[in-house]
Amino acid sequence: MNRLDPPRRLLATALAGLAGYVDAVGFLSADRYFVSFMSGNTTRLGTELIADTPRAAIPASLILGFVLGVALGHIVAEHAGRWRKPAVLGLVTLLLAIGTLVAVTGHEPAMMAALVLAMGALNTALRQGETPVALTYLTGALVRIGQGLGGIITGRREEGLGAFIGLWLALTCGAALGATLFLAFGPASLLLAVACGIATTFAGYRIARATA
């Protein structure tokens, strides 16, 4: 985050909010499984292998879908070159639209498949050098926040602390909004995620065009 310029940093924050929103909808739709937080699904996989073995297939499938989404996003990004941001975010938006369509028609497994692919692909939209910027899991951001607070106490200034706090807050607020709208409108709440996907795709296009 520290090496991103302001437009890319703002885009990263918006995408973290989108990830939180989609994850909350998936979490409430499918018995507390995640579509973007694979650490949580990995914990459930390990637990259910022991406590309820047949159900372990659910988190295992979600983890596999996330990895495949990352791979798909990477392929699109590599072929798009300097237009990677709008290309990947266009893919994410398409997958969110598919997820919304199947959700409102009552096909929950297909919805979860589309959403987990979208969240995997989302993590390939931004990168620092050759390293993708993690947007759907923020343990690293919390570590940086903790380091920053420790630095303040010990008299050492930490750069970019505000950016990591903003990233965490965006995901948290996105999840809260997703939960609120899902409880009010059910699967139709994903329409807002699609609209946000369109907006971030346009923002990614503007950044890519300015760079070009």
N, C-alpha and C. Protein backbone atom coordinates (compact mmCIF):
# COMPACT_ATOMS: atom_id res chain seq x y z
N MET A 1 0.81 -1.21 0.00
CA MET A 1 0.00 0.00 0.00
C MET A 1 0.84 1.26 0.00
N ASN A 2 1.97 1.23 0.73
CA ASN A 2 2.78 2.44 0.87
C ASN A 2 3.34 2.92 -0.46
N ARG A 3 3.60 1.99 -1.39
CA ARG A 3 4.20 2.38 -2.66
C ARG A 3 3.18 2.70 -3.74
N LEU A 4 1.90 2.59 -3.43
CA LEU A 4 0.87 2.95 -4.39
C LEU A 4 0.65 4.46 -4.39
N ASP A 5 0.42 5.03 -5.58
CA ASP A 5 0.11 6.45 -5.64
C ASP A 5 -1.33 6.66 -5.16
N PRO A 6 -1.74 7.93 -4.90
CA PRO A 6 -3.07 8.18 -4.33
C PRO A 6 -4.23 7.58 -5.12
N PRO A 7 -4.28 7.67 -6.47
CA PRO A 7 -5.42 7.05 -7.17
C PRO A 7 -5.49 5.54 -6.97
N ARG A 8 -4.35 4.86 -7.02
CA ARG A 8 -4.35 3.41 -6.83
C ARG A 8 -4.66 3.05 -5.38
N ARG A 9 -4.20 3.86 -4.45
CA ARG A 9 -4.51 3.61 -3.04
C ARG A 9 -6.01 3.75 -2.79
N LEU A 10 -6.61 4.76 -3.40
CA LEU A 10 -8.06 4.94 -3.26
C LEU A 10 -8.81 3.78 -3.89
N LEU A 11 -8.34 3.33 -5.05
CA LEU A 11 -8.97 2.18 -5.70
C LEU A 11 -8.84 0.94 -4.83
N ALA A 12 -7.68 0.72 -4.24
CA ALA A 12 -7.49 -0.43 -3.37
C ALA A 12 -8.46 -0.39 -2.19
N THR A 13 -8.66 0.79 -1.62
CA THR A 13 -9.59 0.93 -0.49
C THR A 13 -11.01 0.61 -0.92
N ALA A 14 -11.41 1.10 -2.11
CA ALA A 14 -12.75 0.82 -2.62
C ALA A 14 -12.93 -0.68 -2.87
N LEU A 15 -11.90 -1.33 -3.39
CA LEU A 15 -12.00 -2.76 -3.67
C LEU A 15 -12.06 -3.57 -2.38
N ALA A 16 -11.37 -3.13 -1.35
CA ALA A 16 -11.47 -3.80 -0.05
C ALA A 16 -12.89 -3.69 0.48
N GLY A 17 -13.51 -2.51 0.32
CA GLY A 17 -14.90 -2.36 0.73
C GLY A 17 -15.82 -3.28 -0.04
N LEU A 18 -15.59 -3.40 -1.35
CA LEU A 18 -16.39 -4.31 -2.17
C LEU A 18 -16.21 -5.75 -1.71
N ALA A 19 -14.98 -6.13 -1.40
CA ALA A 19 -14.71 -7.49 -0.94
C ALA A 19 -15.44 -7.77 0.37
N GLY A 20 -15.42 -6.81 1.28
CA GLY A 20 -16.13 -6.99 2.54
C GLY A 20 -17.62 -7.15 2.33
N TYR A 21 -18.17 -6.35 1.42
CA TYR A 21 -19.60 -6.41 1.12
C TYR A 21 -19.99 -7.79 0.57
N VAL A 22 -19.24 -8.26 -0.43
CA VAL A 22 -19.56 -9.54 -1.05
C VAL A 22 -19.35 -10.69 -0.07
N ASP A 23 -18.30 -10.60 0.74
CA ASP A 23 -18.04 -11.67 1.71
C ASP A 23 -19.17 -11.77 2.72
N ALA A 24 -19.70 -10.62 3.16
CA ALA A 24 -20.80 -10.64 4.13
C ALA A 24 -22.04 -11.29 3.54
N VAL A 25 -22.33 -10.98 2.27
CA VAL A 25 -23.50 -11.58 1.62
C VAL A 25 -23.31 -13.09 1.50
N GLY A 26 -22.13 -13.52 1.07
CA GLY A 26 -21.87 -14.95 0.98
C GLY A 26 -21.91 -15.63 2.33
N PHE A 27 -21.36 -14.98 3.34
CA PHE A 27 -21.31 -15.52 4.70
C PHE A 27 -22.71 -15.77 5.24
N LEU A 28 -23.60 -14.81 5.04
CA LEU A 28 -24.96 -14.94 5.54
C LEU A 28 -25.82 -15.85 4.66
N SER A 29 -25.43 -16.02 3.41
CA SER A 29 -26.20 -16.87 2.50
C SER A 29 -25.92 -18.35 2.72
N ALA A 30 -24.72 -18.69 3.09
CA ALA A 30 -24.27 -20.09 3.00
C ALA A 30 -23.67 -20.61 4.29
N ASP A 31 -24.44 -20.57 5.35
CA ASP A 31 -24.07 -21.24 6.59
C ASP A 31 -22.69 -20.84 7.10
N ARG A 32 -22.42 -19.55 7.02
CA ARG A 32 -21.19 -18.98 7.62
C ARG A 32 -19.91 -19.46 6.96
N TYR A 33 -19.97 -19.69 5.65
CA TYR A 33 -18.75 -19.91 4.88
C TYR A 33 -18.39 -18.60 4.18
N PHE A 34 -17.13 -18.46 3.81
CA PHE A 34 -16.62 -17.22 3.25
C PHE A 34 -16.37 -17.37 1.74
N VAL A 35 -16.49 -16.25 1.03
CA VAL A 35 -16.12 -16.26 -0.39
C VAL A 35 -14.83 -15.48 -0.64
N SER A 36 -14.31 -14.78 0.36
CA SER A 36 -13.04 -14.09 0.15
C SER A 36 -12.02 -14.37 1.25
N PHE A 37 -12.46 -14.79 2.42
CA PHE A 37 -11.56 -14.97 3.56
C PHE A 37 -11.18 -16.45 3.66
N MET A 38 -10.12 -16.83 2.97
CA MET A 38 -9.77 -18.24 2.88
C MET A 38 -9.11 -18.78 4.15
N SER A 39 -8.58 -17.91 4.99
CA SER A 39 -8.07 -18.38 6.29
C SER A 39 -9.21 -18.96 7.11
N GLY A 40 -10.36 -18.27 7.10
CA GLY A 40 -11.52 -18.78 7.82
C GLY A 40 -12.00 -20.10 7.25
N ASN A 41 -12.04 -20.21 5.92
CA ASN A 41 -12.46 -21.46 5.30
C ASN A 41 -11.47 -22.59 5.57
N THR A 42 -10.18 -22.24 5.66
CA THR A 42 -9.18 -23.26 5.96
C THR A 42 -9.36 -23.80 7.37
N THR A 43 -9.67 -22.89 8.31
CA THR A 43 -9.95 -23.33 9.68
C THR A 43 -11.17 -24.25 9.71
N ARG A 44 -12.21 -23.89 8.97
CA ARG A 44 -13.41 -24.73 8.92
C ARG A 44 -13.10 -26.07 8.25
N LEU A 45 -12.25 -26.06 7.23
CA LEU A 45 -11.86 -27.31 6.58
C LEU A 45 -11.20 -28.24 7.58
N GLY A 46 -10.20 -27.74 8.30
CA GLY A 46 -9.50 -28.57 9.26
C GLY A 46 -10.41 -29.07 10.36
N THR A 47 -11.29 -28.18 10.84
CA THR A 47 -12.21 -28.56 11.91
C THR A 47 -13.20 -29.62 11.44
N GLU A 48 -13.77 -29.41 10.25
CA GLU A 48 -14.81 -30.31 9.77
C GLU A 48 -14.26 -31.65 9.29
N LEU A 49 -12.99 -31.69 8.92
CA LEU A 49 -12.38 -32.98 8.61
C LEU A 49 -12.46 -33.91 9.82
N ILE A 50 -12.43 -33.35 11.01
CA ILE A 50 -12.49 -34.13 12.23
C ILE A 50 -13.91 -34.24 12.77
N ALA A 51 -14.61 -33.11 12.81
CA ALA A 51 -15.91 -33.07 13.48
C ALA A 51 -17.08 -33.49 12.60
N ASP A 52 -17.01 -33.23 11.30
CA ASP A 52 -18.13 -33.51 10.40
C ASP A 52 -17.57 -33.70 8.99
N THR A 53 -16.92 -34.84 8.76
CA THR A 53 -16.12 -35.05 7.56
C THR A 53 -16.83 -34.75 6.25
N PRO A 54 -18.08 -35.18 6.04
CA PRO A 54 -18.72 -34.89 4.75
C PRO A 54 -18.82 -33.40 4.43
N ARG A 55 -19.00 -32.58 5.47
CA ARG A 55 -19.14 -31.13 5.23
C ARG A 55 -17.81 -30.47 4.88
N ALA A 56 -16.71 -31.17 5.07
CA ALA A 56 -15.41 -30.59 4.72
C ALA A 56 -15.31 -30.32 3.23
N ALA A 57 -16.16 -30.96 2.43
CA ALA A 57 -16.14 -30.72 0.98
C ALA A 57 -16.54 -29.28 0.65
N ILE A 58 -17.33 -28.64 1.51
CA ILE A 58 -17.79 -27.27 1.23
C ILE A 58 -16.63 -26.28 1.30
N PRO A 59 -15.92 -26.17 2.45
CA PRO A 59 -14.79 -25.23 2.45
C PRO A 59 -13.69 -25.62 1.47
N ALA A 60 -13.49 -26.92 1.24
CA ALA A 60 -12.47 -27.34 0.28
C ALA A 60 -12.82 -26.84 -1.12
N SER A 61 -14.09 -26.91 -1.49
CA SER A 61 -14.52 -26.43 -2.80
C SER A 61 -14.36 -24.93 -2.91
N LEU A 62 -14.65 -24.20 -1.84
CA LEU A 62 -14.52 -22.75 -1.86
C LEU A 62 -13.05 -22.33 -1.99
N ILE A 63 -12.17 -23.02 -1.28
CA ILE A 63 -10.74 -22.72 -1.37
C ILE A 63 -10.24 -22.98 -2.79
N LEU A 64 -10.65 -24.11 -3.37
CA LEU A 64 -10.26 -24.43 -4.75
C LEU A 64 -10.80 -23.36 -5.70
N GLY A 65 -12.05 -22.95 -5.52
CA GLY A 65 -12.63 -21.92 -6.38
C GLY A 65 -11.88 -20.60 -6.29
N PHE A 66 -11.46 -20.24 -5.07
CA PHE A 66 -10.70 -19.00 -4.89
C PHE A 66 -9.38 -19.06 -5.64
N VAL A 67 -8.68 -20.19 -5.51
CA VAL A 67 -7.40 -20.35 -6.20
C VAL A 67 -7.61 -20.27 -7.71
N LEU A 68 -8.65 -20.91 -8.21
CA LEU A 68 -8.93 -20.85 -9.64
C LEU A 68 -9.28 -19.42 -10.07
N GLY A 69 -9.97 -18.68 -9.22
CA GLY A 69 -10.27 -17.27 -9.52
C GLY A 69 -9.01 -16.44 -9.62
N VAL A 70 -8.06 -16.67 -8.70
CA VAL A 70 -6.77 -15.97 -8.77
C VAL A 70 -6.06 -16.32 -10.08
N ALA A 71 -6.05 -17.60 -10.43
CA ALA A 71 -5.40 -18.03 -11.67
C ALA A 71 -6.06 -17.37 -12.89
N LEU A 72 -7.40 -17.33 -12.90
CA LEU A 72 -8.11 -16.71 -14.01
C LEU A 72 -7.81 -15.22 -14.10
N GLY A 73 -7.81 -14.55 -12.95
CA GLY A 73 -7.47 -13.12 -12.94
C GLY A 73 -6.05 -12.88 -13.42
N HIS A 74 -5.13 -13.76 -13.02
CA HIS A 74 -3.73 -13.61 -13.45
C HIS A 74 -3.60 -13.76 -14.96
N ILE A 75 -4.31 -14.73 -15.53
CA ILE A 75 -4.26 -14.93 -16.98
C ILE A 75 -4.78 -13.70 -17.71
N VAL A 76 -5.92 -13.18 -17.24
CA VAL A 76 -6.49 -11.98 -17.86
C VAL A 76 -5.54 -10.80 -17.72
N ALA A 77 -4.94 -10.64 -16.54
CA ALA A 77 -4.02 -9.53 -16.31
C ALA A 77 -2.80 -9.61 -17.22
N GLU A 78 -2.25 -10.81 -17.38
CA GLU A 78 -1.07 -10.97 -18.22
C GLU A 78 -1.37 -10.65 -19.69
N HIS A 79 -2.53 -11.03 -20.15
CA HIS A 79 -2.89 -10.76 -21.54
C HIS A 79 -3.28 -9.29 -21.75
N ALA A 80 -3.76 -8.64 -20.70
CA ALA A 80 -4.22 -7.25 -20.84
C ALA A 80 -3.07 -6.25 -20.78
N GLY A 81 -1.93 -6.65 -20.23
CA GLY A 81 -0.80 -5.73 -20.15
C GLY A 81 -1.10 -4.52 -19.30
N ARG A 82 -0.89 -3.32 -19.87
CA ARG A 82 -1.08 -2.09 -19.09
C ARG A 82 -2.55 -1.85 -18.76
N TRP A 83 -3.45 -2.57 -19.40
CA TRP A 83 -4.89 -2.43 -19.12
C TRP A 83 -5.37 -3.47 -18.13
N ARG A 84 -4.47 -4.01 -17.31
CA ARG A 84 -4.82 -5.08 -16.39
C ARG A 84 -5.93 -4.69 -15.43
N LYS A 85 -5.91 -3.46 -14.94
CA LYS A 85 -6.91 -3.07 -13.94
C LYS A 85 -8.33 -3.14 -14.50
N PRO A 86 -8.64 -2.43 -15.59
CA PRO A 86 -10.01 -2.54 -16.09
C PRO A 86 -10.35 -3.93 -16.59
N ALA A 87 -9.36 -4.66 -17.13
CA ALA A 87 -9.64 -6.01 -17.62
C ALA A 87 -10.01 -6.94 -16.47
N VAL A 88 -9.21 -6.93 -15.43
CA VAL A 88 -9.48 -7.80 -14.28
C VAL A 88 -10.76 -7.38 -13.58
N LEU A 89 -10.95 -6.08 -13.40
CA LEU A 89 -12.15 -5.62 -12.70
C LEU A 89 -13.40 -5.84 -13.55
N GLY A 90 -13.26 -5.80 -14.87
CA GLY A 90 -14.37 -6.17 -15.73
C GLY A 90 -14.75 -7.63 -15.54
N LEU A 91 -13.73 -8.49 -15.43
CA LEU A 91 -13.97 -9.91 -15.15
C LEU A 91 -14.67 -10.09 -13.82
N VAL A 92 -14.20 -9.38 -12.80
CA VAL A 92 -14.82 -9.46 -11.47
C VAL A 92 -16.29 -9.04 -11.54
N THR A 93 -16.55 -7.95 -12.25
CA THR A 93 -17.92 -7.46 -12.38
C THR A 93 -18.81 -8.47 -13.10
N LEU A 94 -18.27 -9.09 -14.15
CA LEU A 94 -19.03 -10.11 -14.88
C LEU A 94 -19.38 -11.28 -13.96
N LEU A 95 -18.42 -11.74 -13.18
CA LEU A 95 -18.67 -12.84 -12.26
C LEU A 95 -19.67 -12.46 -11.19
N LEU A 96 -19.59 -11.22 -10.70
CA LEU A 96 -20.57 -10.75 -9.71
C LEU A 96 -21.97 -10.69 -10.33
N ALA A 97 -22.05 -10.27 -11.58
CA ALA A 97 -23.35 -10.22 -12.26
C ALA A 97 -23.93 -11.62 -12.41
N ILE A 98 -23.07 -12.59 -12.79
CA ILE A 98 -23.54 -13.98 -12.89
C ILE A 98 -24.01 -14.48 -11.53
N GLY A 99 -23.23 -14.17 -10.49
CA GLY A 99 -23.60 -14.58 -9.14
C GLY A 99 -24.93 -13.99 -8.71
N THR A 100 -25.16 -12.73 -9.07
CA THR A 100 -26.43 -12.08 -8.73
C THR A 100 -27.60 -12.74 -9.45
N LEU A 101 -27.40 -13.03 -10.73
CA LEU A 101 -28.46 -13.64 -11.53
C LEU A 101 -28.86 -15.00 -10.98
N VAL A 102 -27.88 -15.83 -10.68
CA VAL A 102 -28.22 -17.17 -10.17
C VAL A 102 -28.72 -17.10 -8.73
N ALA A 103 -28.31 -16.08 -7.99
CA ALA A 103 -28.78 -15.94 -6.61
C ALA A 103 -30.26 -15.63 -6.55
N VAL A 104 -30.69 -14.69 -7.39
CA VAL A 104 -32.10 -14.30 -7.35
C VAL A 104 -33.01 -15.38 -7.93
N THR A 105 -32.43 -16.34 -8.64
CA THR A 105 -33.22 -17.47 -9.14
C THR A 105 -33.12 -18.69 -8.22
N GLY A 106 -32.43 -18.51 -7.07
CA GLY A 106 -32.43 -19.54 -6.05
C GLY A 106 -31.36 -20.60 -6.16
N HIS A 107 -30.34 -20.39 -6.97
CA HIS A 107 -29.28 -21.39 -7.13
C HIS A 107 -28.07 -20.99 -6.26
N GLU A 108 -28.16 -21.30 -4.99
CA GLU A 108 -27.13 -20.86 -4.04
C GLU A 108 -25.74 -21.41 -4.32
N PRO A 109 -25.57 -22.71 -4.62
CA PRO A 109 -24.22 -23.21 -4.92
C PRO A 109 -23.58 -22.49 -6.11
N ALA A 110 -24.36 -22.23 -7.16
CA ALA A 110 -23.82 -21.51 -8.31
C ALA A 110 -23.45 -20.07 -7.93
N MET A 111 -24.25 -19.46 -7.06
CA MET A 111 -23.93 -18.12 -6.59
C MET A 111 -22.59 -18.11 -5.86
N MET A 112 -22.40 -19.06 -4.95
CA MET A 112 -21.15 -19.12 -4.19
C MET A 112 -19.96 -19.36 -5.12
N ALA A 113 -20.15 -20.20 -6.13
CA ALA A 113 -19.07 -20.46 -7.09
C ALA A 113 -18.68 -19.19 -7.82
N ALA A 114 -19.67 -18.42 -8.29
CA ALA A 114 -19.37 -17.19 -9.01
C ALA A 114 -18.71 -16.15 -8.10
N LEU A 115 -19.21 -16.05 -6.87
CA LEU A 115 -18.66 -15.05 -5.95
C LEU A 115 -17.23 -15.38 -5.54
N VAL A 116 -16.95 -16.66 -5.29
CA VAL A 116 -15.60 -17.00 -4.85
C VAL A 116 -14.60 -16.84 -6.00
N LEU A 117 -15.02 -17.13 -7.23
CA LEU A 117 -14.15 -16.86 -8.38
C LEU A 117 -13.88 -15.37 -8.51
N ALA A 118 -14.92 -14.55 -8.31
CA ALA A 118 -14.77 -13.09 -8.41
C ALA A 118 -13.79 -12.57 -7.37
N MET A 119 -13.91 -13.07 -6.14
CA MET A 119 -13.03 -12.57 -5.08
C MET A 119 -11.59 -13.04 -5.28
N GLY A 120 -11.42 -14.22 -5.83
CA GLY A 120 -10.05 -14.64 -6.17
C GLY A 120 -9.44 -13.74 -7.22
N ALA A 121 -10.21 -13.49 -8.29
CA ALA A 121 -9.71 -12.63 -9.37
C ALA A 121 -9.42 -11.22 -8.89
N LEU A 122 -10.21 -10.75 -7.94
CA LEU A 122 -10.04 -9.38 -7.43
C LEU A 122 -8.63 -9.13 -6.92
N ASN A 123 -8.03 -10.15 -6.34
CA ASN A 123 -6.70 -9.99 -5.75
C ASN A 123 -5.59 -9.83 -6.79
N THR A 124 -5.91 -9.94 -8.07
CA THR A 124 -4.90 -9.74 -9.11
C THR A 124 -5.04 -8.38 -9.78
N ALA A 125 -5.97 -7.56 -9.31
CA ALA A 125 -6.23 -6.28 -9.97
C ALA A 125 -5.11 -5.27 -9.74
N LEU A 126 -4.50 -5.29 -8.57
CA LEU A 126 -3.44 -4.33 -8.23
C LEU A 126 -2.20 -5.08 -7.81
N ARG A 127 -1.05 -4.49 -8.07
CA ARG A 127 0.18 -5.09 -7.61
C ARG A 127 1.22 -4.01 -7.34
N GLN A 128 2.16 -4.34 -6.44
CA GLN A 128 3.32 -3.50 -6.17
C GLN A 128 4.53 -4.22 -6.77
N GLY A 129 5.05 -3.69 -7.86
CA GLY A 129 6.07 -4.41 -8.59
C GLY A 129 5.47 -5.68 -9.17
N GLU A 130 5.97 -6.83 -8.77
CA GLU A 130 5.43 -8.11 -9.23
C GLU A 130 4.57 -8.78 -8.17
N THR A 131 4.35 -8.10 -7.03
CA THR A 131 3.60 -8.69 -5.93
C THR A 131 2.17 -8.19 -5.92
N PRO A 132 1.16 -9.08 -6.01
CA PRO A 132 -0.23 -8.63 -5.95
C PRO A 132 -0.55 -7.98 -4.61
N VAL A 133 -1.41 -6.98 -4.62
CA VAL A 133 -1.87 -6.35 -3.39
C VAL A 133 -3.05 -7.14 -2.86
N ALA A 134 -2.92 -7.66 -1.64
CA ALA A 134 -4.00 -8.45 -1.03
C ALA A 134 -5.15 -7.52 -0.67
N LEU A 135 -6.32 -7.83 -1.19
CA LEU A 135 -7.48 -6.95 -1.00
C LEU A 135 -8.62 -7.61 -0.24
N THR A 136 -8.61 -8.94 -0.15
CA THR A 136 -9.74 -9.62 0.48
C THR A 136 -9.39 -10.24 1.82
N TYR A 137 -8.15 -10.11 2.25
CA TYR A 137 -7.77 -10.62 3.58
C TYR A 137 -6.75 -9.63 4.15
N LEU A 138 -6.99 -9.19 5.36
CA LEU A 138 -6.25 -8.03 5.87
C LEU A 138 -5.49 -8.31 7.16
N THR A 139 -5.12 -9.57 7.40
CA THR A 139 -4.28 -9.85 8.55
C THR A 139 -2.96 -9.08 8.44
N GLY A 140 -2.39 -9.05 7.24
CA GLY A 140 -1.15 -8.31 7.04
C GLY A 140 -1.31 -6.83 7.34
N ALA A 141 -2.46 -6.27 6.96
CA ALA A 141 -2.72 -4.86 7.24
C ALA A 141 -2.80 -4.62 8.75
N LEU A 142 -3.42 -5.55 9.48
CA LEU A 142 -3.49 -5.40 10.93
C LEU A 142 -2.11 -5.51 11.57
N VAL A 143 -1.27 -6.37 11.00
CA VAL A 143 0.12 -6.47 11.49
C VAL A 143 0.83 -5.12 11.30
N ARG A 144 0.65 -4.51 10.12
CA ARG A 144 1.28 -3.22 9.86
C ARG A 144 0.73 -2.13 10.78
N ILE A 145 -0.57 -2.20 11.07
CA ILE A 145 -1.14 -1.23 12.01
C ILE A 145 -0.52 -1.41 13.39
N GLY A 146 -0.39 -2.66 13.82
CA GLY A 146 0.24 -2.92 15.12
C GLY A 146 1.69 -2.46 15.15
N GLN A 147 2.42 -2.69 14.07
CA GLN A 147 3.81 -2.22 13.99
C GLN A 147 3.86 -0.70 14.05
N GLY A 148 2.90 -0.06 13.36
CA GLY A 148 2.88 1.40 13.38
C GLY A 148 2.62 1.95 14.76
N LEU A 149 1.70 1.34 15.47
CA LEU A 149 1.42 1.79 16.84
C LEU A 149 2.62 1.57 17.75
N GLY A 150 3.28 0.40 17.54
CA GLY A 150 4.50 0.16 18.32
C GLY A 150 5.58 1.17 18.00
N GLY A 151 5.67 1.55 16.70
CA GLY A 151 6.66 2.56 16.31
C GLY A 151 6.38 3.91 16.93
N ILE A 152 5.11 4.28 16.98
CA ILE A 152 4.75 5.56 17.61
C ILE A 152 5.15 5.57 19.07
N ILE A 153 4.89 4.47 19.78
CA ILE A 153 5.22 4.39 21.20
C ILE A 153 6.71 4.44 21.44
N THR A 154 7.48 3.83 20.53
CA THR A 154 8.94 3.80 20.71
C THR A 154 9.65 4.98 20.04
N GLY A 155 8.87 5.89 19.48
CA GLY A 155 9.45 7.10 18.91
C GLY A 155 9.93 6.96 17.49
N ARG A 156 9.50 5.91 16.79
CA ARG A 156 9.91 5.72 15.41
C ARG A 156 8.69 5.89 14.51
N ARG A 157 8.82 6.81 13.55
CA ARG A 157 7.69 7.11 12.69
C ARG A 157 7.48 6.00 11.67
N GLU A 158 6.21 5.58 11.52
CA GLU A 158 5.85 4.56 10.55
C GLU A 158 5.10 5.20 9.39
N GLU A 159 5.59 5.01 8.17
CA GLU A 159 4.95 5.59 6.99
C GLU A 159 3.73 4.76 6.57
N GLY A 160 2.70 5.45 6.16
CA GLY A 160 1.56 4.77 5.56
C GLY A 160 0.61 4.09 6.52
N LEU A 161 0.70 4.40 7.81
CA LEU A 161 -0.18 3.77 8.79
C LEU A 161 -1.64 4.05 8.46
N GLY A 162 -1.93 5.28 8.07
CA GLY A 162 -3.30 5.66 7.75
C GLY A 162 -3.89 4.85 6.61
N ALA A 163 -3.06 4.48 5.62
CA ALA A 163 -3.54 3.71 4.48
C ALA A 163 -4.00 2.32 4.91
N PHE A 164 -3.26 1.70 5.81
CA PHE A 164 -3.64 0.37 6.27
C PHE A 164 -4.88 0.43 7.16
N ILE A 165 -4.99 1.47 7.97
CA ILE A 165 -6.20 1.65 8.78
C ILE A 165 -7.40 1.85 7.85
N GLY A 166 -7.23 2.66 6.81
CA GLY A 166 -8.31 2.90 5.86
C GLY A 166 -8.73 1.62 5.15
N LEU A 167 -7.76 0.77 4.79
CA LEU A 167 -8.06 -0.48 4.12
C LEU A 167 -8.90 -1.40 5.02
N TRP A 168 -8.50 -1.48 6.28
CA TRP A 168 -9.24 -2.32 7.23
C TRP A 168 -10.64 -1.77 7.47
N LEU A 169 -10.74 -0.46 7.64
CA LEU A 169 -12.05 0.14 7.85
C LEU A 169 -12.96 -0.06 6.65
N ALA A 170 -12.40 0.03 5.45
CA ALA A 170 -13.20 -0.15 4.24
C ALA A 170 -13.79 -1.55 4.20
N LEU A 171 -12.98 -2.57 4.48
CA LEU A 171 -13.50 -3.93 4.45
C LEU A 171 -14.55 -4.12 5.54
N THR A 172 -14.31 -3.57 6.72
CA THR A 172 -15.26 -3.70 7.83
C THR A 172 -16.58 -3.02 7.51
N CYS A 173 -16.50 -1.79 7.02
CA CYS A 173 -17.73 -1.05 6.68
C CYS A 173 -18.46 -1.71 5.51
N GLY A 174 -17.70 -2.22 4.54
CA GLY A 174 -18.33 -2.93 3.43
C GLY A 174 -19.08 -4.16 3.91
N ALA A 175 -18.47 -4.90 4.85
CA ALA A 175 -19.14 -6.08 5.39
C ALA A 175 -20.39 -5.70 6.16
N ALA A 176 -20.32 -4.62 6.93
CA ALA A 176 -21.50 -4.17 7.68
C ALA A 176 -22.63 -3.76 6.75
N LEU A 177 -22.28 -3.05 5.68
CA LEU A 177 -23.30 -2.65 4.70
C LEU A 177 -23.87 -3.87 3.98
N GLY A 178 -23.02 -4.82 3.62
CA GLY A 178 -23.49 -6.03 2.96
C GLY A 178 -24.45 -6.81 3.84
N ALA A 179 -24.12 -6.93 5.13
CA ALA A 179 -25.01 -7.64 6.05
C ALA A 179 -26.35 -6.92 6.19
N THR A 180 -26.29 -5.59 6.30
CA THR A 180 -27.51 -4.80 6.46
C THR A 180 -28.44 -4.98 5.26
N LEU A 181 -27.89 -4.85 4.06
CA LEU A 181 -28.73 -4.92 2.87
C LEU A 181 -29.16 -6.35 2.57
N PHE A 182 -28.33 -7.33 2.88
CA PHE A 182 -28.75 -8.72 2.68
C PHE A 182 -29.93 -9.06 3.58
N LEU A 183 -29.88 -8.63 4.84
CA LEU A 183 -30.98 -8.93 5.75
C LEU A 183 -32.26 -8.22 5.32
N ALA A 184 -32.11 -7.10 4.62
CA ALA A 184 -33.28 -6.36 4.16
C ALA A 184 -33.80 -6.85 2.82
N PHE A 185 -32.90 -7.19 1.90
CA PHE A 185 -33.31 -7.48 0.52
C PHE A 185 -32.91 -8.86 0.02
N GLY A 186 -32.19 -9.62 0.82
CA GLY A 186 -31.79 -10.95 0.38
C GLY A 186 -30.78 -10.90 -0.75
N PRO A 187 -30.77 -11.89 -1.64
CA PRO A 187 -29.77 -11.95 -2.72
C PRO A 187 -29.77 -10.74 -3.64
N ALA A 188 -30.89 -10.01 -3.71
CA ALA A 188 -30.94 -8.82 -4.56
C ALA A 188 -29.94 -7.76 -4.11
N SER A 189 -29.45 -7.88 -2.87
CA SER A 189 -28.45 -6.92 -2.38
C SER A 189 -27.17 -6.98 -3.20
N LEU A 190 -26.95 -8.08 -3.93
CA LEU A 190 -25.75 -8.19 -4.76
C LEU A 190 -25.77 -7.21 -5.94
N LEU A 191 -26.92 -6.66 -6.25
CA LEU A 191 -26.99 -5.67 -7.33
C LEU A 191 -26.08 -4.48 -7.03
N LEU A 192 -25.99 -4.10 -5.77
CA LEU A 192 -25.09 -2.99 -5.41
C LEU A 192 -23.64 -3.38 -5.64
N ALA A 193 -23.29 -4.64 -5.38
CA ALA A 193 -21.93 -5.10 -5.65
C ALA A 193 -21.60 -5.00 -7.13
N VAL A 194 -22.57 -5.35 -7.98
CA VAL A 194 -22.35 -5.24 -9.42
C VAL A 194 -22.15 -3.79 -9.82
N ALA A 195 -22.96 -2.89 -9.26
CA ALA A 195 -22.81 -1.46 -9.55
C ALA A 195 -21.44 -0.96 -9.11
N CYS A 196 -20.99 -1.41 -7.94
CA CYS A 196 -19.66 -1.01 -7.47
C CYS A 196 -18.57 -1.59 -8.36
N GLY A 197 -18.79 -2.81 -8.86
CA GLY A 197 -17.83 -3.41 -9.78
C GLY A 197 -17.71 -2.59 -11.05
N ILE A 198 -18.84 -2.12 -11.58
CA ILE A 198 -18.81 -1.27 -12.77
C ILE A 198 -18.05 0.01 -12.49
N ALA A 199 -18.31 0.63 -11.33
CA ALA A 199 -17.66 1.90 -10.98
C ALA A 199 -16.15 1.70 -10.83
N THR A 200 -15.72 0.62 -10.18
CA THR A 200 -14.28 0.41 -10.00
C THR A 200 -13.61 0.02 -11.32
N THR A 201 -14.33 -0.66 -12.19
CA THR A 201 -13.78 -0.95 -13.52
C THR A 201 -13.51 0.35 -14.28
N PHE A 202 -14.45 1.27 -14.23
CA PHE A 202 -14.26 2.56 -14.88
C PHE A 202 -13.10 3.32 -14.25
N ALA A 203 -13.00 3.26 -12.92
CA ALA A 203 -11.88 3.93 -12.24
C ALA A 203 -10.55 3.30 -12.66
N GLY A 204 -10.53 1.96 -12.76
CA GLY A 204 -9.31 1.30 -13.21
C GLY A 204 -8.94 1.68 -14.63
N TYR A 205 -9.95 1.85 -15.48
CA TYR A 205 -9.70 2.28 -16.86
C TYR A 205 -9.09 3.68 -16.88
N ARG A 206 -9.61 4.58 -16.07
CA ARG A 206 -9.08 5.94 -16.05
C ARG A 206 -7.63 5.97 -15.57
N ILE A 207 -7.32 5.14 -14.55
CA ILE A 207 -5.94 5.08 -14.08
C ILE A 207 -5.03 4.52 -15.16
N ALA A 208 -5.48 3.45 -15.81
CA ALA A 208 -4.67 2.84 -16.87
C ALA A 208 -4.47 3.82 -18.03
N ARG A 209 -5.51 4.54 -18.39
CA ARG A 209 -5.39 5.51 -19.50
C ARG A 209 -4.44 6.64 -19.15
N ALA A 210 -4.51 7.10 -17.90
CA ALA A 210 -3.60 8.18 -17.48
C ALA A 210 -2.16 7.70 -17.50
N THR A 211 -1.94 6.46 -17.10
CA THR A 211 -0.60 5.91 -17.13
C THR A 211 -0.08 5.75 -18.55
N ALA A 212 -1.00 5.29 -19.44
CA ALA A 212 -0.60 5.12 -20.84
C ALA A 212 -0.24 6.45 -21.49
